[in-house]
Protein backbone atom coordinates (compact mmCIF):
# COMPACT_ATOMS: atom_id res chain seq x y z
CA MET A 1 182.96 5.48 31.36
CA ARG A 2 180.05 7.22 29.70
CA VAL A 3 181.11 9.19 26.63
CA ALA A 4 179.02 11.73 24.68
CA ILE A 5 179.56 11.98 20.93
CA THR A 6 178.16 14.56 18.51
CA SER A 7 176.35 12.76 15.71
CA GLN A 8 174.25 13.35 12.62
CA GLY A 9 172.21 10.20 13.33
CA GLU A 10 171.20 7.62 15.90
CA THR A 11 173.68 4.79 15.34
CA GLN A 12 177.40 4.16 15.56
CA GLU A 13 177.46 4.06 11.75
CA SER A 14 176.27 7.70 11.68
CA MET A 15 178.68 10.45 10.75
CA LEU A 16 180.04 12.73 13.45
CA ASP A 17 178.42 16.15 13.48
CA GLU A 18 181.23 18.67 13.14
CA ARG A 19 179.50 21.51 15.01
CA PHE A 20 179.08 20.72 18.69
CA GLY A 21 176.32 23.17 19.65
CA ARG A 22 174.20 22.51 16.61
CA ALA A 23 174.81 18.76 16.39
CA ALA A 24 171.64 16.91 15.39
CA ARG A 25 172.08 14.27 18.09
CA ILE A 26 174.23 13.45 21.08
CA LEU A 27 174.99 9.75 21.41
CA VAL A 28 175.95 8.54 24.88
CA VAL A 29 177.97 5.33 24.89
CA ASP A 30 179.05 3.33 27.92
CA THR A 31 182.55 2.20 26.96
CA GLU A 32 182.42 -0.74 29.37
CA ASP A 33 179.19 -2.47 28.31
CA GLY A 34 178.54 -0.82 24.92
CA ARG A 35 175.06 0.44 25.81
CA MET A 36 174.09 3.49 23.83
CA GLU A 37 171.36 6.11 24.01
CA SER A 38 170.53 8.79 21.48
CA ILE A 39 169.63 12.30 22.65
CA ASP A 40 167.76 14.66 20.32
CA ASN A 41 169.44 18.08 20.13
CA THR A 42 166.70 19.97 18.28
CA ALA A 43 166.92 22.76 20.86
CA GLY A 44 170.57 23.36 19.94
CA VAL A 45 169.96 23.07 16.22
CA SER A 46 167.17 25.65 16.25
CA ALA A 47 168.57 28.06 18.88
CA SER A 48 168.94 31.60 17.57
CA GLN A 49 171.93 32.06 19.88
CA GLY A 50 173.65 30.22 22.72
CA ALA A 51 173.47 26.80 21.04
CA GLY A 52 176.90 25.77 22.30
CA ILE A 53 176.15 26.71 25.89
CA GLN A 54 172.75 24.97 25.84
CA THR A 55 174.20 21.80 24.35
CA ALA A 56 177.16 21.84 26.78
CA GLU A 57 174.77 22.15 29.74
CA ARG A 58 172.74 19.23 28.37
CA VAL A 59 175.89 17.10 27.93
CA ALA A 60 177.12 17.98 31.42
CA GLY A 61 173.79 16.81 32.83
CA LEU A 62 174.12 13.39 31.17
CA GLY A 63 176.73 12.17 33.64
CA VAL A 64 179.47 11.68 31.05
CA GLY A 65 183.19 11.87 31.70
CA ALA A 66 184.16 12.79 28.16
CA LEU A 67 182.85 14.34 24.96
CA ILE A 68 184.06 13.39 21.49
CA THR A 69 183.39 15.99 18.82
CA VAL A 70 185.11 17.47 15.79
CA HIS A 71 185.07 21.10 17.00
CA CYS A 72 184.13 22.92 20.21
CA GLY A 73 183.78 26.68 20.70
CA PRO A 74 184.99 28.71 23.71
CA LYS A 75 181.72 29.17 25.61
CA ALA A 76 180.73 25.52 25.29
CA PHE A 77 184.26 24.44 26.21
CA ALA A 78 184.14 26.57 29.38
CA VAL A 79 180.85 24.99 30.48
CA LEU A 80 182.17 21.48 29.84
CA GLN A 81 185.46 22.18 31.59
CA HIS A 82 183.64 23.59 34.63
CA ALA A 83 181.50 20.41 34.74
CA GLY A 84 184.61 18.20 34.61
CA VAL A 85 183.87 16.80 31.14
CA GLU A 86 187.01 16.15 29.09
CA VAL A 87 186.74 17.28 25.46
CA TRP A 88 188.36 15.13 22.78
CA SER A 89 188.68 16.10 19.12
CA SER A 90 188.15 13.51 16.40
CA PRO A 91 188.72 13.85 12.68
CA PRO A 92 185.50 13.68 10.64
CA GLY A 93 184.20 10.14 10.25
CA THR A 94 181.69 7.81 11.85
CA VAL A 95 180.81 7.54 15.51
CA ALA A 96 182.31 4.03 15.54
CA GLU A 97 185.61 5.33 14.13
CA ALA A 98 185.71 8.09 16.75
CA LEU A 99 185.04 5.62 19.56
CA LYS A 100 187.77 3.33 18.28
CA GLY A 101 190.20 6.27 18.15
CA PHE A 102 189.23 7.23 21.71
CA ARG A 103 189.73 3.70 23.02
CA GLU A 104 193.10 3.42 21.25
CA GLY A 105 194.33 6.81 22.52
CA ARG A 106 194.56 8.35 19.05
CA LEU A 107 192.32 11.40 19.65
CA ALA A 108 193.58 14.78 20.82
CA ARG A 109 192.38 16.01 24.20
CA LEU A 110 191.54 19.68 23.86
CA GLY A 111 192.96 22.10 26.42
CA SER A 112 190.90 24.95 25.00
CA ALA A 113 188.36 25.68 22.29
CA ASP A 114 189.54 24.94 18.76
CA VAL A 115 187.20 27.33 16.92
CA ALA A 116 185.96 30.86 17.50
CA THR A 117 182.51 31.76 18.75
CA HIS A 118 179.79 31.43 16.07
CA TRP A 119 181.88 29.06 13.98
């Protein structure tokens, strides 16, 4: 499965970015073979409005089955849900820690947004 993860950097040692729409990078990891790619999210970071929607549309277009993030707002969550992307919440930490939690079933699958718009 391909999994998207919000990140402050380009490696698995990078810290998770807590704000989905304005995350610095989106890391895409193939959980079967470990391959990883880093996607620049400058457009989301610098958006005056609609950052969550723009980032959610980008993630949906990456062909991932799941997203791991710390928080996800309602508009972004709706886009991801419509695209069939599961949203999983991780406590703050590194990308590697979040992936380990995902693989071990310790993350919470979100059924709705966990923060308000413009968090």
